[in-house]
């Protein structure tokens, strides 16, 4: 069983930056594909970025390309989301998630961290 704990959320002005962290425990971190999702009030939870087990492959939703960077440190069992040039529309609860090898869905989720971007 994998436990995921996010941190690093908060209130920031538009144009500012935040770095989210997600610490994993209870499993073999390097065997999981990882992703960040977000859910704004009244909206569905959508993927923001994902990263392969080794970290050599990443994906970003168009709305965050060139502003957000996902990375991982398998030695520290942690995945990060560096968010720059934040916009009010980035306001959401951000979740990290883990996907086991060969699985099509993410099985493990953190509790979420709130990111609020003020204009």
PDB file of N, CA and C in Angstrom:
ATOM      1  N   UNK A   1       0.841  -1.190   0.000  1.00  0.00           N
ATOM      2  CA  UNK A   1       0.000   0.000   0.000  1.00  0.00           C
ATOM      3  C   UNK A   1       0.879   1.243   0.000  1.00  0.00           C
ATOM      4  N   UNK A   2       0.591   2.157  -0.888  1.00  0.00           N
ATOM      5  CA  UNK A   2       1.375   3.375  -1.024  1.00  0.00           C
ATOM      6  C   UNK A   2       0.635   4.526  -0.362  1.00  0.00           C
ATOM      7  N   UNK A   3       1.359   5.287   0.420  1.00  0.00           N
ATOM      8  CA  UNK A   3       0.811   6.510   1.000  1.00  0.00           C
ATOM      9  C   UNK A   3       1.485   7.704   0.351  1.00  0.00           C
ATOM     10  N   UNK A   4       0.676   8.693  -0.020  1.00  0.00           N
ATOM     11  CA  UNK A   4       1.174   9.898  -0.675  1.00  0.00           C
ATOM     12  C   UNK A   4       0.751  11.116   0.137  1.00  0.00           C
ATOM     13  N   UNK A   5       1.706  11.996   0.394  1.00  0.00           N
ATOM     14  CA  UNK A   5       1.428  13.198   1.173  1.00  0.00           C
ATOM     15  C   UNK A   5       1.952  14.409   0.412  1.00  0.00           C
ATOM     16  N   UNK A   6       1.031  15.296   0.031  1.00  0.00           N
ATOM     17  CA  UNK A   6       1.405  16.516  -0.690  1.00  0.00           C
ATOM     18  C   UNK A   6       1.703  17.646   0.292  1.00  0.00           C
ATOM     19  N   UNK A   7       2.527  18.569  -0.154  1.00  0.00           N
ATOM     20  CA  UNK A   7       2.807  19.779   0.606  1.00  0.00           C
ATOM     21  C   UNK A   7       3.214  20.874  -0.363  1.00  0.00           C
ATOM     22  N   UNK A   8       3.226  22.114   0.142  1.00  0.00           N
ATOM     23  CA  UNK A   8       3.724  23.216  -0.671  1.00  0.00           C
ATOM     24  C   UNK A   8       2.651  24.130  -1.237  1.00  0.00           C
ATOM     25  N   UNK A   9       1.380  23.800  -1.024  1.00  0.00           N
ATOM     26  CA  UNK A   9       0.334  24.679  -1.518  1.00  0.00           C
ATOM     27  C   UNK A   9       0.257  25.956  -0.701  1.00  0.00           C
ATOM     28  N   UNK A  10      -0.582  26.885  -1.174  1.00  0.00           N
ATOM     29  CA  UNK A  10      -0.741  28.134  -0.454  1.00  0.00           C
ATOM     30  C   UNK A  10      -1.378  29.192  -1.307  1.00  0.00           C
ATOM     31  N   UNK A  11      -1.295  30.416  -0.825  1.00  0.00           N
ATOM     32  CA  UNK A  11      -1.849  31.580  -1.509  1.00  0.00           C
ATOM     33  C   UNK A  11      -0.714  32.356  -2.158  1.00  0.00           C
ATOM     34  N   UNK A  12      -0.878  32.677  -3.421  1.00  0.00           N
ATOM     35  CA  UNK A  12       0.160  33.406  -4.146  1.00  0.00           C
ATOM     36  C   UNK A  12      -0.507  34.372  -5.117  1.00  0.00           C
ATOM     37  N   UNK A  13       0.154  35.465  -5.395  1.00  0.00           N
ATOM     38  CA  UNK A  13      -0.364  36.422  -6.365  1.00  0.00           C
ATOM     39  C   UNK A  13      -0.121  35.933  -7.793  1.00  0.00           C
ATOM     40  N   UNK A  14      -0.954  36.386  -8.695  1.00  0.00           N
ATOM     41  CA  UNK A  14      -0.767  36.050 -10.104  1.00  0.00           C
ATOM     42  C   UNK A  14       0.649  36.438 -10.545  1.00  0.00           C
ATOM     43  N   UNK A  15       1.258  35.540 -11.312  1.00  0.00           N
ATOM     44  CA  UNK A  15       2.631  35.746 -11.740  1.00  0.00           C
ATOM     45  C   UNK A  15       3.663  35.125 -10.822  1.00  0.00           C
ATOM     46  N   UNK A  16       3.228  34.691  -9.664  1.00  0.00           N
ATOM     47  CA  UNK A  16       4.131  34.098  -8.691  1.00  0.00           C
ATOM     48  C   UNK A  16       4.393  32.626  -8.945  1.00  0.00           C
ATOM     49  N   UNK A  17       5.138  32.026  -8.020  1.00  0.00           N
ATOM     50  CA  UNK A  17       5.545  30.629  -8.161  1.00  0.00           C
ATOM     51  C   UNK A  17       5.271  29.858  -6.875  1.00  0.00           C
ATOM     52  N   UNK A  18       5.055  28.570  -7.042  1.00  0.00           N
ATOM     53  CA  UNK A  18       4.961  27.636  -5.934  1.00  0.00           C
ATOM     54  C   UNK A  18       5.593  26.320  -6.368  1.00  0.00           C
ATOM     55  N   UNK A  19       6.106  25.585  -5.391  1.00  0.00           N
ATOM     56  CA  UNK A  19       6.637  24.251  -5.661  1.00  0.00           C
ATOM     57  C   UNK A  19       5.907  23.255  -4.773  1.00  0.00           C
ATOM     58  N   UNK A  20       5.195  22.349  -5.409  1.00  0.00           N
ATOM     59  CA  UNK A  20       4.511  21.295  -4.679  1.00  0.00           C
ATOM     60  C   UNK A  20       5.412  20.071  -4.567  1.00  0.00           C
ATOM     61  N   UNK A  21       5.315  19.396  -3.447  1.00  0.00           N
ATOM     62  CA  UNK A  21       6.034  18.152  -3.235  1.00  0.00           C
ATOM     63  C   UNK A  21       5.046  17.062  -2.861  1.00  0.00           C
ATOM     64  N   UNK A  22       5.388  15.840  -3.218  1.00  0.00           N
ATOM     65  CA  UNK A  22       4.566  14.692  -2.858  1.00  0.00           C
ATOM     66  C   UNK A  22       5.517  13.587  -2.404  1.00  0.00           C
ATOM     67  N   UNK A  23       5.462  13.283  -1.119  1.00  0.00           N
ATOM     68  CA  UNK A  23       6.320  12.256  -0.548  1.00  0.00           C
ATOM     69  C   UNK A  23       5.577  10.931  -0.498  1.00  0.00           C
ATOM     70  N   UNK A  24       6.226   9.893  -0.985  1.00  0.00           N
ATOM     71  CA  UNK A  24       5.612   8.567  -1.025  1.00  0.00           C
ATOM     72  C   UNK A  24       6.259   7.643  -0.001  1.00  0.00           C
ATOM     73  N   UNK A  25       5.459   6.744   0.527  1.00  0.00           N
ATOM     74  CA  UNK A  25       5.970   5.726   1.451  1.00  0.00           C
ATOM     75  C   UNK A  25       5.152   4.454   1.284  1.00  0.00           C
ATOM     76  N   UNK A  26       5.723   3.353   1.693  1.00  0.00           N
ATOM     77  CA  UNK A  26       4.996   2.094   1.696  1.00  0.00           C
ATOM     78  C   UNK A  26       5.076   1.299   0.420  1.00  0.00           C
ATOM     79  N   UNK A  27       5.857   1.734  -0.521  1.00  0.00           N
ATOM     80  CA  UNK A  27       5.974   0.976  -1.761  1.00  0.00           C
ATOM     81  C   UNK A  27       7.313   1.235  -2.414  1.00  0.00           C
ATOM     82  N   UNK A  28       7.507   0.679  -3.593  1.00  0.00           N
ATOM     83  CA  UNK A  28       8.733   0.906  -4.350  1.00  0.00           C
ATOM     84  C   UNK A  28       8.486   2.074  -5.293  1.00  0.00           C
ATOM     85  N   UNK A  29       8.900   3.248  -4.871  1.00  0.00           N
ATOM     86  CA  UNK A  29       8.547   4.476  -5.577  1.00  0.00           C
ATOM     87  C   UNK A  29       8.952   4.437  -7.041  1.00  0.00           C
ATOM     88  N   UNK A  30      10.127   3.907  -7.311  1.00  0.00           N
ATOM     89  CA  UNK A  30      10.635   3.924  -8.686  1.00  0.00           C
ATOM     90  C   UNK A  30       9.836   3.020  -9.627  1.00  0.00           C
ATOM     91  N   UNK A  31       8.937   2.230  -9.098  1.00  0.00           N
ATOM     92  CA  UNK A  31       8.128   1.352  -9.938  1.00  0.00           C
ATOM     93  C   UNK A  31       6.785   1.981 -10.320  1.00  0.00           C
ATOM     94  N   UNK A  32       6.535   3.212  -9.853  1.00  0.00           N
ATOM     95  CA  UNK A  32       5.247   3.855 -10.106  1.00  0.00           C
ATOM     96  C   UNK A  32       5.381   5.010 -11.095  1.00  0.00           C
ATOM     97  N   UNK A  33       4.470   5.058 -12.045  1.00  0.00           N
ATOM     98  CA  UNK A  33       4.285   6.283 -12.795  1.00  0.00           C
ATOM     99  C   UNK A  33       3.575   7.273 -11.881  1.00  0.00           C
ATOM    100  N   UNK A  34       3.954   8.533 -11.955  1.00  0.00           N
ATOM    101  CA  UNK A  34       3.395   9.539 -11.061  1.00  0.00           C
ATOM    102  C   UNK A  34       2.744  10.655 -11.860  1.00  0.00           C
ATOM    103  N   UNK A  35       1.792  11.303 -11.228  1.00  0.00           N
ATOM    104  CA  UNK A  35       1.095  12.401 -11.894  1.00  0.00           C
ATOM    105  C   UNK A  35       0.590  13.399 -10.876  1.00  0.00           C
ATOM    106  N   UNK A  36       0.355  14.588 -11.351  1.00  0.00           N
ATOM    107  CA  UNK A  36      -0.337  15.628 -10.593  1.00  0.00           C
ATOM    108  C   UNK A  36      -1.674  15.895 -11.284  1.00  0.00           C
ATOM    109  N   UNK A  37      -2.719  15.939 -10.485  1.00  0.00           N
ATOM    110  CA  UNK A  37      -4.058  16.297 -10.937  1.00  0.00           C
ATOM    111  C   UNK A  37      -4.491  17.555 -10.191  1.00  0.00           C
ATOM    112  N   UNK A  38      -5.531  18.184 -10.685  1.00  0.00           N
ATOM    113  CA  UNK A  38      -6.108  19.298  -9.945  1.00  0.00           C
ATOM    114  C   UNK A  38      -7.624  19.311 -10.133  1.00  0.00           C
ATOM    115  N   UNK A  39      -8.285  19.854  -9.120  1.00  0.00           N
ATOM    116  CA  UNK A  39      -9.736  19.962  -9.163  1.00  0.00           C
ATOM    117  C   UNK A  39     -10.156  21.321  -8.643  1.00  0.00           C
ATOM    118  N   UNK A  40     -10.747  22.108  -9.522  1.00  0.00           N
ATOM    119  CA  UNK A  40     -11.275  23.411  -9.147  1.00  0.00           C
ATOM    120  C   UNK A  40     -12.726  23.242  -8.688  1.00  0.00           C
ATOM    121  N   UNK A  41     -13.235  24.182  -7.910  1.00  0.00           N
ATOM    122  CA  UNK A  41     -14.617  24.077  -7.424  1.00  0.00           C
ATOM    123  C   UNK A  41     -15.614  23.906  -8.574  1.00  0.00           C
ATOM    124  N   UNK A  42     -16.470  22.902  -8.459  1.00  0.00           N
ATOM    125  CA  UNK A  42     -17.494  22.678  -9.461  1.00  0.00           C
ATOM    126  C   UNK A  42     -17.011  22.016 -10.735  1.00  0.00           C
ATOM    127  N   UNK A  43     -15.733  21.618 -10.753  1.00  0.00           N
ATOM    128  CA  UNK A  43     -15.167  21.002 -11.961  1.00  0.00           C
ATOM    129  C   UNK A  43     -14.655  19.603 -11.658  1.00  0.00           C
ATOM    130  N   UNK A  44     -14.404  18.849 -12.720  1.00  0.00           N
ATOM    131  CA  UNK A  44     -13.860  17.514 -12.553  1.00  0.00           C
ATOM    132  C   UNK A  44     -12.372  17.570 -12.247  1.00  0.00           C
ATOM    133  N   UNK A  45     -11.873  16.488 -11.696  1.00  0.00           N
ATOM    134  CA  UNK A  45     -10.452  16.363 -11.451  1.00  0.00           C
ATOM    135  C   UNK A  45      -9.760  15.996 -12.761  1.00  0.00           C
ATOM    136  N   UNK A  46      -8.783  16.784 -13.163  1.00  0.00           N
ATOM    137  CA  UNK A  46      -8.097  16.580 -14.432  1.00  0.00           C
ATOM    138  C   UNK A  46      -6.593  16.480 -14.220  1.00  0.00           C
ATOM    139  N   UNK A  47      -5.959  15.754 -15.108  1.00  0.00           N
ATOM    140  CA  UNK A  47      -4.511  15.633 -15.033  1.00  0.00           C
ATOM    141  C   UNK A  47      -3.850  16.950 -15.419  1.00  0.00           C
ATOM    142  N   UNK A  48      -2.787  17.273 -14.728  1.00  0.00           N
ATOM    143  CA  UNK A  48      -1.977  18.462 -15.026  1.00  0.00           C
ATOM    144  C   UNK A  48      -0.673  18.045 -15.698  1.00  0.00           C
ATOM    145  N   UNK A  49      -0.019  17.058 -15.111  1.00  0.00           N
ATOM    146  CA  UNK A  49       1.259  16.583 -15.634  1.00  0.00           C
ATOM    147  C   UNK A  49       1.491  15.169 -15.132  1.00  0.00           C
ATOM    148  N   UNK A  50       2.283  14.417 -15.884  1.00  0.00           N
ATOM    149  CA  UNK A  50       2.656  13.089 -15.421  1.00  0.00           C
ATOM    150  C   UNK A  50       4.100  12.816 -15.817  1.00  0.00           C
ATOM    151  N   UNK A  51       4.702  11.859 -15.139  1.00  0.00           N
ATOM    152  CA  UNK A  51       6.106  11.549 -15.345  1.00  0.00           C
ATOM    153  C   UNK A  51       6.293  10.045 -15.255  1.00  0.00           C
ATOM    154  N   UNK A  52       7.182   9.539 -16.088  1.00  0.00           N
ATOM    155  CA  UNK A  52       7.437   8.102 -16.132  1.00  0.00           C
ATOM    156  C   UNK A  52       8.211   7.644 -14.910  1.00  0.00           C
ATOM    157  N   UNK A  53       8.341   6.344 -14.775  1.00  0.00           N
ATOM    158  CA  UNK A  53       9.010   5.785 -13.605  1.00  0.00           C
ATOM    159  C   UNK A  53      10.450   6.258 -13.480  1.00  0.00           C
ATOM    160  N   UNK A  54      11.134   6.375 -14.583  1.00  0.00           N
ATOM    161  CA  UNK A  54      12.532   6.801 -14.541  1.00  0.00           C
ATOM    162  C   UNK A  54      12.681   8.313 -14.583  1.00  0.00           C
ATOM    163  N   UNK A  55      11.611   8.999 -14.950  1.00  0.00           N
ATOM    164  CA  UNK A  55      11.666  10.450 -15.052  1.00  0.00           C
ATOM    165  C   UNK A  55      12.076  10.968 -16.414  1.00  0.00           C
ATOM    166  N   UNK A  56      12.282  10.067 -17.373  1.00  0.00           N
ATOM    167  CA  UNK A  56      12.780  10.521 -18.670  1.00  0.00           C
ATOM    168  C   UNK A  56      11.665  10.888 -19.642  1.00  0.00           C
ATOM    169  N   UNK A  57      10.425  10.715 -19.229  1.00  0.00           N
ATOM    170  CA  UNK A  57       9.300  11.057 -20.089  1.00  0.00           C
ATOM    171  C   UNK A  57       8.262  11.817 -19.285  1.00  0.00           C
ATOM    172  N   UNK A  58       7.812  12.944 -19.834  1.00  0.00           N
ATOM    173  CA  UNK A  58       6.818  13.760 -19.147  1.00  0.00           C
ATOM    174  C   UNK A  58       5.708  14.166 -20.113  1.00  0.00           C
ATOM    175  N   UNK A  59       4.585  14.530 -19.525  1.00  0.00           N
ATOM    176  CA  UNK A  59       3.433  15.034 -20.281  1.00  0.00           C
ATOM    177  C   UNK A  59       2.835  16.194 -19.509  1.00  0.00           C
ATOM    178  N   UNK A  60       2.379  17.209 -20.260  1.00  0.00           N
ATOM    179  CA  UNK A  60       1.717  18.358 -19.646  1.00  0.00           C
ATOM    180  C   UNK A  60       0.430  18.670 -20.403  1.00  0.00           C
ATOM    181  N   UNK A  61      -0.584  19.044 -19.677  1.00  0.00           N
ATOM    182  CA  UNK A  61      -1.780  19.554 -20.324  1.00  0.00           C
ATOM    183  C   UNK A  61      -1.429  20.911 -20.945  1.00  0.00           C
ATOM    184  N   UNK A  62      -2.055  21.237 -22.055  1.00  0.00           N
ATOM    185  CA  UNK A  62      -1.662  22.439 -22.798  1.00  0.00           C
ATOM    186  C   UNK A  62      -1.677  23.707 -21.945  1.00  0.00           C
ATOM    187  N   UNK A  63      -2.614  23.807 -21.029  1.00  0.00           N
ATOM    188  CA  UNK A  63      -2.775  25.048 -20.271  1.00  0.00           C
ATOM    189  C   UNK A  63      -1.620  25.338 -19.326  1.00  0.00           C
ATOM    190  N   UNK A  64      -0.764  24.355 -19.056  1.00  0.00           N
ATOM    191  CA  UNK A  64       0.352  24.583 -18.132  1.00  0.00           C
ATOM    192  C   UNK A  64       1.717  24.426 -18.802  1.00  0.00           C
ATOM    193  N   UNK A  65       1.724  24.072 -20.067  1.00  0.00           N
ATOM    194  CA  UNK A  65       2.998  23.914 -20.771  1.00  0.00           C
ATOM    195  C   UNK A  65       3.814  25.196 -20.702  1.00  0.00           C
ATOM    196  N   UNK A  66       5.096  25.057 -20.510  1.00  0.00           N
ATOM    197  CA  UNK A  66       6.053  26.166 -20.421  1.00  0.00           C
ATOM    198  C   UNK A  66       5.920  26.958 -19.127  1.00  0.00           C
ATOM    199  N   UNK A  67       5.012  26.560 -18.244  1.00  0.00           N
ATOM    200  CA  UNK A  67       4.890  27.214 -16.932  1.00  0.00           C
ATOM    201  C   UNK A  67       5.148  26.242 -15.784  1.00  0.00           C
ATOM    202  N   UNK A  68       4.727  25.008 -15.939  1.00  0.00           N
ATOM    203  CA  UNK A  68       4.879  24.005 -14.889  1.00  0.00           C
ATOM    204  C   UNK A  68       5.929  22.980 -15.296  1.00  0.00           C
ATOM    205  N   UNK A  69       6.619  22.444 -14.302  1.00  0.00           N
ATOM    206  CA  UNK A  69       7.604  21.384 -14.539  1.00  0.00           C
ATOM    207  C   UNK A  69       7.423  20.280 -13.503  1.00  0.00           C
ATOM    208  N   UNK A  70       7.217  19.065 -13.978  1.00  0.00           N
ATOM    209  CA  UNK A  70       7.129  17.907 -13.090  1.00  0.00           C
ATOM    210  C   UNK A  70       8.488  17.224 -13.064  1.00  0.00           C
ATOM    211  N   UNK A  71       8.889  16.775 -11.892  1.00  0.00           N
ATOM    212  CA  UNK A  71      10.154  16.064 -11.749  1.00  0.00           C
ATOM    213  C   UNK A  71      10.021  15.082 -10.599  1.00  0.00           C
ATOM    214  N   UNK A  72      10.982  14.188 -10.498  1.00  0.00           N
ATOM    215  CA  UNK A  72      10.953  13.216  -9.402  1.00  0.00           C
ATOM    216  C   UNK A  72      12.364  12.909  -8.961  1.00  0.00           C
ATOM    217  N   UNK A  73      12.483  12.542  -7.700  1.00  0.00           N
ATOM    218  CA  UNK A  73      13.744  12.104  -7.124  1.00  0.00           C
ATOM    219  C   UNK A  73      13.478  10.731  -6.522  1.00  0.00           C
ATOM    220  N   UNK A  74      13.861   9.697  -7.241  1.00  0.00           N
ATOM    221  CA  UNK A  74      13.557   8.342  -6.772  1.00  0.00           C
ATOM    222  C   UNK A  74      14.342   7.980  -5.506  1.00  0.00           C
ATOM    223  N   UNK A  75      15.459   8.637  -5.279  1.00  0.00           N
ATOM    224  CA  UNK A  75      16.224   8.389  -4.054  1.00  0.00           C
ATOM    225  C   UNK A  75      15.511   8.957  -2.829  1.00  0.00           C
ATOM    226  N   UNK A  76      14.700   9.984  -3.052  1.00  0.00           N
ATOM    227  CA  UNK A  76      13.964  10.621  -1.957  1.00  0.00           C
ATOM    228  C   UNK A  76      12.486  10.249  -1.953  1.00  0.00           C
ATOM    229  N   UNK A  77      12.077   9.377  -2.879  1.00  0.00           N
ATOM    230  CA  UNK A  77      10.665   8.956  -2.969  1.00  0.00           C
ATOM    231  C   UNK A  77       9.723  10.155  -3.067  1.00  0.00           C
ATOM    232  N   UNK A  78      10.097  11.114  -3.879  1.00  0.00           N
ATOM    233  CA  UNK A  78       9.333  12.354  -3.953  1.00  0.00           C
ATOM    234  C   UNK A  78       9.150  12.788  -5.403  1.00  0.00           C
ATOM    235  N   UNK A  79       7.961  13.304  -5.681  1.00  0.00           N
ATOM    236  CA  UNK A  79       7.690  13.919  -6.969  1.00  0.00           C
ATOM    237  C   UNK A  79       7.347  15.387  -6.718  1.00  0.00           C
ATOM    238  N   UNK A  80       7.743  16.239  -7.643  1.00  0.00           N
ATOM    239  CA  UNK A  80       7.585  17.678  -7.488  1.00  0.00           C
ATOM    240  C   UNK A  80       6.775  18.255  -8.645  1.00  0.00           C
ATOM    241  N   UNK A  81       6.171  19.411  -8.371  1.00  0.00           N
ATOM    242  CA  UNK A  81       5.550  20.191  -9.433  1.00  0.00           C
ATOM    243  C   UNK A  81       5.948  21.646  -9.210  1.00  0.00           C
ATOM    244  N   UNK A  82       6.850  22.133 -10.044  1.00  0.00           N
ATOM    245  CA  UNK A  82       7.253  23.532  -9.999  1.00  0.00           C
ATOM    246  C   UNK A  82       6.277  24.320 -10.854  1.00  0.00           C
ATOM    247  N   UNK A  83       5.639  25.299 -10.250  1.00  0.00           N
ATOM    248  CA  UNK A  83       4.615  26.083 -10.937  1.00  0.00           C
ATOM    249  C   UNK A  83       5.054  27.539 -10.987  1.00  0.00           C
ATOM    250  N   UNK A  84       5.275  28.037 -12.177  1.00  0.00           N
ATOM    251  CA  UNK A  84       5.688  29.421 -12.396  1.00  0.00           C
ATOM    252  C   UNK A  84       4.611  30.178 -13.155  1.00  0.00           C
ATOM    253  N   UNK A  85       4.704  31.482 -13.127  1.00  0.00           N
ATOM    254  CA  UNK A  85       3.757  32.340 -13.858  1.00  0.00           C
ATOM    255  C   UNK A  85       2.319  31.932 -13.569  1.00  0.00           C
ATOM    256  N   UNK A  86       2.017  31.766 -12.310  1.00  0.00           N
ATOM    257  CA  UNK A  86       0.693  31.272 -11.926  1.00  0.00           C
ATOM    258  C   UNK A  86      -0.401  32.259 -12.295  1.00  0.00           C
ATOM    259  N   UNK A  87      -1.549  31.694 -12.650  1.00  0.00           N
ATOM    260  CA  UNK A  87      -2.705  32.475 -13.063  1.00  0.00           C
ATOM    261  C   UNK A  87      -3.882  32.149 -12.130  1.00  0.00           C
ATOM    262  N   UNK A  88      -4.837  33.056 -12.002  1.00  0.00           N
ATOM    263  CA  UNK A  88      -6.007  32.761 -11.155  1.00  0.00           C
ATOM    264  C   UNK A  88      -6.706  31.468 -11.548  1.00  0.00           C
ATOM    265  N   UNK A  89      -6.686  31.123 -12.816  1.00  0.00           N
ATOM    266  CA  UNK A  89      -7.350  29.892 -13.254  1.00  0.00           C
ATOM    267  C   UNK A  89      -6.598  28.634 -12.844  1.00  0.00           C
ATOM    268  N   UNK A  90      -5.415  28.787 -12.267  1.00  0.00           N
ATOM    269  CA  UNK A  90      -4.695  27.634 -11.714  1.00  0.00           C
ATOM    270  C   UNK A  90      -5.187  27.292 -10.307  1.00  0.00           C
ATOM    271  N   UNK A  91      -6.049  28.122  -9.751  1.00  0.00           N
ATOM    272  CA  UNK A  91      -6.582  27.872  -8.414  1.00  0.00           C
ATOM    273  C   UNK A  91      -7.346  26.553  -8.377  1.00  0.00           C
ATOM    274  N   UNK A  92      -6.940  25.668  -7.464  1.00  0.00           N
ATOM    275  CA  UNK A  92      -7.540  24.334  -7.374  1.00  0.00           C
ATOM    276  C   UNK A  92      -6.908  23.597  -6.201  1.00  0.00           C
ATOM    277  N   UNK A  93      -7.491  22.448  -5.899  1.00  0.00           N
ATOM    278  CA  UNK A  93      -6.822  21.498  -5.022  1.00  0.00           C
ATOM    279  C   UNK A  93      -5.984  20.591  -5.919  1.00  0.00           C
ATOM    280  N   UNK A  94      -4.701  20.479  -5.578  1.00  0.00           N
ATOM    281  CA  UNK A  94      -3.777  19.681  -6.369  1.00  0.00           C
ATOM    282  C   UNK A  94      -3.513  18.357  -5.657  1.00  0.00           C
ATOM    283  N   UNK A  95      -3.605  17.287  -6.432  1.00  0.00           N
ATOM    284  CA  UNK A  95      -3.411  15.943  -5.910  1.00  0.00           C
ATOM    285  C   UNK A  95      -2.264  15.257  -6.652  1.00  0.00           C
ATOM    286  N   UNK A  96      -1.460  14.503  -5.932  1.00  0.00           N
ATOM    287  CA  UNK A  96      -0.536  13.616  -6.623  1.00  0.00           C
ATOM    288  C   UNK A  96      -1.113  12.207  -6.617  1.00  0.00           C
ATOM    289  N   UNK A  97      -0.714  11.431  -7.611  1.00  0.00           N
ATOM    290  CA  UNK A  97      -1.256  10.092  -7.776  1.00  0.00           C
ATOM    291  C   UNK A  97      -0.185   9.162  -8.309  1.00  0.00           C
ATOM    292  N   UNK A  98      -0.313   7.889  -7.961  1.00  0.00           N
ATOM    293  CA  UNK A  98       0.649   6.871  -8.387  1.00  0.00           C
ATOM    294  C   UNK A  98      -0.062   5.784  -9.177  1.00  0.00           C
ATOM    295  N   UNK A  99       0.614   5.342 -10.228  1.00  0.00           N
ATOM    296  CA  UNK A  99       0.064   4.287 -11.092  1.00  0.00           C
ATOM    297  C   UNK A  99       1.044   3.132 -11.116  1.00  0.00           C
ATOM    298  N   UNK A 100       0.545   1.935 -10.816  1.00  0.00           N
ATOM    299  CA  UNK A 100       1.424   0.771 -10.833  1.00  0.00           C
ATOM    300  C   UNK A 100       1.715   0.372 -12.269  1.00  0.00           C
ATOM    301  N   UNK A 101       2.806  -0.347 -12.453  1.00  0.00           N
ATOM    302  CA  UNK A 101       3.218  -0.748 -13.786  1.00  0.00           C
ATOM    303  C   UNK A 101       2.125  -1.560 -14.469  1.00  0.00           C
ATOM    304  N   UNK A 102       1.875  -1.273 -15.731  1.00  0.00           N
ATOM    305  CA  UNK A 102       0.888  -1.914 -16.598  1.00  0.00           C
ATOM    306  C   UNK A 102      -0.550  -1.532 -16.261  1.00  0.00           C
ATOM    307  N   UNK A 103      -0.757  -0.722 -15.246  1.00  0.00           N
ATOM    308  CA  UNK A 103      -2.127  -0.313 -14.921  1.00  0.00           C
ATOM    309  C   UNK A 103      -2.549   0.856 -15.801  1.00  0.00           C
ATOM    310  N   UNK A 104      -3.831   0.964 -16.063  1.00  0.00           N
ATOM    311  CA  UNK A 104      -4.339   2.047 -16.901  1.00  0.00           C
ATOM    312  C   UNK A 104      -4.862   3.213 -16.082  1.00  0.00           C
ATOM    313  N   UNK A 105      -5.009   3.004 -14.795  1.00  0.00           N
ATOM    314  CA  UNK A 105      -5.531   4.070 -13.941  1.00  0.00           C
ATOM    315  C   UNK A 105      -4.602   4.274 -12.743  1.00  0.00           C
ATOM    316  N   UNK A 106      -4.785   5.409 -12.099  1.00  0.00           N
ATOM    317  CA  UNK A 106      -3.996   5.741 -10.914  1.00  0.00           C
ATOM    318  C   UNK A 106      -4.712   5.171  -9.688  1.00  0.00           C
ATOM    319  N   UNK A 107      -3.980   4.360  -8.931  1.00  0.00           N
ATOM    320  CA  UNK A 107      -4.584   3.624  -7.817  1.00  0.00           C
ATOM    321  C   UNK A 107      -4.430   4.319  -6.483  1.00  0.00           C
ATOM    322  N   UNK A 108      -3.402   5.133  -6.354  1.00  0.00           N
ATOM    323  CA  UNK A 108      -3.086   5.746  -5.065  1.00  0.00           C
ATOM    324  C   UNK A 108      -3.111   7.254  -5.195  1.00  0.00           C
ATOM    325  N   UNK A 109      -3.721   7.886  -4.199  1.00  0.00           N
ATOM    326  CA  UNK A 109      -3.916   9.329  -4.228  1.00  0.00           C
ATOM    327  C   UNK A 109      -3.526   9.950  -2.892  1.00  0.00           C
ATOM    328  N   UNK A 110      -2.995  11.165  -2.977  1.00  0.00           N
ATOM    329  CA  UNK A 110      -2.769  11.934  -1.771  1.00  0.00           C
ATOM    330  C   UNK A 110      -4.047  12.646  -1.348  1.00  0.00           C
ATOM    331  N   UNK A 111      -3.941  13.397  -0.245  1.00  0.00           N
ATOM    332  CA  UNK A 111      -5.113  14.063   0.306  1.00  0.00           C
ATOM    333  C   UNK A 111      -5.380  15.406  -0.370  1.00  0.00           C
ATOM    334  N   UNK A 112      -4.415  15.902  -1.118  1.00  0.00           N
ATOM    335  CA  UNK A 112      -4.580  17.155  -1.823  1.00  0.00           C
ATOM    336  C   UNK A 112      -4.005  18.336  -1.063  1.00  0.00           C
ATOM    337  N   UNK A 113      -3.593  19.340  -1.812  1.00  0.00           N
ATOM    338  CA  UNK A 113      -3.109  20.586  -1.231  1.00  0.00           C
ATOM    339  C   UNK A 113      -3.713  21.741  -2.018  1.00  0.00           C
ATOM    340  N   UNK A 114      -4.186  22.745  -1.292  1.00  0.00           N
ATOM    341  CA  UNK A 114      -4.889  23.863  -1.924  1.00  0.00           C
ATOM    342  C   UNK A 114      -3.891  24.871  -2.500  1.00  0.00           C
ATOM    343  N   UNK A 115      -4.107  25.266  -3.732  1.00  0.00           N
ATOM    344  CA  UNK A 115      -3.359  26.340  -4.369  1.00  0.00           C
ATOM    345  C   UNK A 115      -4.361  27.426  -4.753  1.00  0.00           C
ATOM    346  N   UNK A 116      -4.127  28.616  -4.257  1.00  0.00           N
ATOM    347  CA  UNK A 116      -4.999  29.746  -4.554  1.00  0.00           C
ATOM    348  C   UNK A 116      -4.166  30.866  -5.150  1.00  0.00           C
ATOM    349  N   UNK A 117      -4.551  31.309  -6.335  1.00  0.00           N
ATOM    350  CA  UNK A 117      -3.831  32.374  -7.027  1.00  0.00           C
ATOM    351  C   UNK A 117      -4.749  33.592  -7.091  1.00  0.00           C
ATOM    352  N   UNK A 118      -4.313  34.655  -6.469  1.00  0.00           N
ATOM    353  CA  UNK A 118      -5.118  35.868  -6.436  1.00  0.00           C
ATOM    354  C   UNK A 118      -4.727  36.796  -7.575  1.00  0.00           C
ATOM    355  N   UNK A 119      -5.718  37.519  -8.050  1.00  0.00           N
ATOM    356  CA  UNK A 119      -5.456  38.492  -9.120  1.00  0.00           C
ATOM    357  C   UNK A 119      -5.262  39.849  -8.486  1.00  0.00           C
TER     358      UNK A 119
END
